[in-house]
Protein backbone atom coordinates (compact mmCIF):
# COMPACT_ATOMS: atom_id res chain seq x y z
CA MET A 1 78.40 -116.12 149.05
CA ARG A 2 80.75 -118.76 147.73
CA VAL A 3 84.34 -118.94 148.98
CA ALA A 4 87.07 -120.89 147.18
CA ILE A 5 89.99 -122.34 149.05
CA PRO A 6 92.84 -124.11 147.28
CA LEU A 7 93.62 -127.45 148.86
CA ALA A 8 96.58 -129.83 149.33
CA SER A 9 96.04 -132.85 151.55
CA GLY A 10 92.68 -131.45 152.76
CA LYS A 11 94.06 -128.15 154.05
CA LEU A 12 94.88 -124.79 152.51
CA ALA A 13 97.55 -125.10 149.77
CA ILE A 14 100.19 -122.38 150.09
CA HIS A 15 100.64 -121.99 146.29
CA PHE A 16 97.27 -121.10 144.85
CA GLY A 17 97.85 -121.90 141.21
CA HIS A 18 99.33 -125.34 141.87
CA CYS A 19 96.75 -126.82 144.18
CA GLU A 20 95.23 -130.32 143.91
CA ARG A 21 91.62 -129.34 144.53
CA PHE A 22 89.37 -126.45 145.48
CA ALA A 23 86.91 -126.44 148.34
CA LEU A 24 83.91 -124.30 147.39
CA ILE A 25 82.25 -123.22 150.63
CA ASP A 26 78.71 -121.73 150.51
CA VAL A 27 78.01 -119.28 153.30
CA ASP A 28 74.84 -117.62 154.47
CA GLU A 29 76.30 -114.13 154.96
CA ALA A 30 73.46 -112.90 157.20
CA LYS A 31 73.92 -115.81 159.63
CA LYS A 32 77.68 -116.08 159.01
CA LYS A 33 77.17 -119.84 158.75
CA ILE A 34 78.50 -122.44 156.35
CA VAL A 35 75.58 -124.00 154.45
CA GLY A 36 77.45 -126.26 152.01
CA ARG A 37 80.73 -127.52 150.66
CA GLU A 38 81.75 -128.85 147.23
CA ASP A 39 85.26 -130.13 146.48
CA ILE A 40 86.35 -130.06 142.86
CA GLU A 41 89.49 -131.08 141.00
CA ALA A 42 91.68 -128.13 140.01
CA PRO A 43 92.23 -127.74 136.31
CA PRO A 44 95.80 -128.14 134.97
CA HIS A 45 97.94 -125.07 135.76
CA GLN A 46 97.59 -122.47 133.03
CA PRO A 47 98.19 -118.73 133.52
CA GLY A 48 94.90 -116.78 133.43
CA LEU A 49 92.66 -119.88 133.53
CA LEU A 50 91.48 -119.76 137.20
CA PRO A 51 89.78 -116.41 137.30
CA PRO A 52 87.12 -117.23 134.68
CA TRP A 53 86.99 -120.94 135.78
CA LEU A 54 86.21 -120.00 139.43
CA ALA A 55 83.85 -117.15 138.43
CA GLU A 56 81.82 -119.60 136.37
CA ARG A 57 81.37 -121.70 139.54
CA GLY A 58 79.92 -118.70 141.39
CA VAL A 59 82.95 -117.87 143.53
CA ASN A 60 83.06 -114.31 144.90
CA MET A 61 85.86 -114.65 147.51
CA ILE A 62 89.09 -116.55 147.68
CA ILE A 63 91.06 -117.30 150.85
CA ALA A 64 94.67 -118.20 149.91
CA GLY A 65 98.07 -118.58 151.36
CA GLY A 66 99.79 -116.90 148.50
CA MET A 67 98.91 -115.51 145.07
CA GLY A 68 100.85 -113.53 142.47
CA GLN A 69 99.95 -109.93 141.82
CA SER A 70 98.91 -110.62 138.25
CA ALA A 71 96.44 -113.34 139.35
CA HIS A 72 95.19 -111.09 142.15
CA GLY A 73 94.42 -108.38 139.59
CA LEU A 74 92.62 -110.79 137.28
CA PHE A 75 90.33 -111.90 140.14
CA ALA A 76 89.67 -108.28 141.11
CA GLU A 77 88.54 -107.53 137.47
CA ARG A 78 85.88 -110.24 137.94
CA GLY A 79 84.73 -108.81 141.28
CA ILE A 80 86.23 -111.67 143.29
CA GLU A 81 87.74 -110.56 146.60
CA VAL A 82 91.10 -112.21 147.48
CA ILE A 83 92.50 -112.64 150.93
CA VAL A 84 96.13 -113.78 151.07
CA GLY A 85 98.47 -114.84 153.86
CA ALA A 86 96.00 -117.30 155.41
CA PRO A 87 97.41 -120.15 157.54
CA VAL A 88 97.38 -123.86 156.55
CA GLU A 89 94.06 -124.92 158.04
CA THR A 90 90.85 -126.69 157.00
CA PRO A 91 88.47 -124.79 154.76
CA GLU A 92 85.79 -124.74 157.42
CA LYS A 93 88.13 -123.24 160.03
CA LEU A 94 89.35 -120.59 157.61
CA VAL A 95 85.82 -119.57 156.67
CA ALA A 96 84.56 -119.65 160.26
CA ASP A 97 87.54 -117.55 161.32
CA TYR A 98 86.95 -115.04 158.51
CA PHE A 99 83.33 -114.56 159.30
CA GLY A 100 84.07 -114.50 163.06
CA GLU A 101 86.61 -111.77 162.31
CA THR A 102 89.41 -113.85 163.85
CA LEU A 103 91.29 -114.94 160.67
CA MET A 104 94.93 -114.15 161.20
CA THR A 105 96.71 -113.45 157.92
CA GLY A 106 100.43 -112.99 157.42
CA LYS A 107 102.68 -112.39 154.51
CA ASN A 108 101.62 -113.35 150.95
CA ALA A 109 103.39 -116.63 150.38
CA CYS A 110 103.78 -115.92 146.66
CA ASP A 111 106.23 -113.36 145.28
CA HIS A 112 105.51 -113.35 141.52
């Protein structure tokens, strides 16, 4: 499994489409263990660009602070699960909390 997390200053960026970078975290689902991480520069913001761009990089889950409903739907069309309302933490902590079933999510930080 490959999880994408939008970054700003090394932690989760609240606004998904306007992040600086993405952490792509590879996880062994059976062991619930992180097996790799790749950080990549985010492309320039352009509506509709991120779903195919992340899908091409093997992403099948996104942990985000906030994401608009339109983007959420575009990811769902590609079979990419989206979790919103995550706290500002490091990618490793977010993934570990998710797989440990302790990830606390709140309100979607995006309202468009």
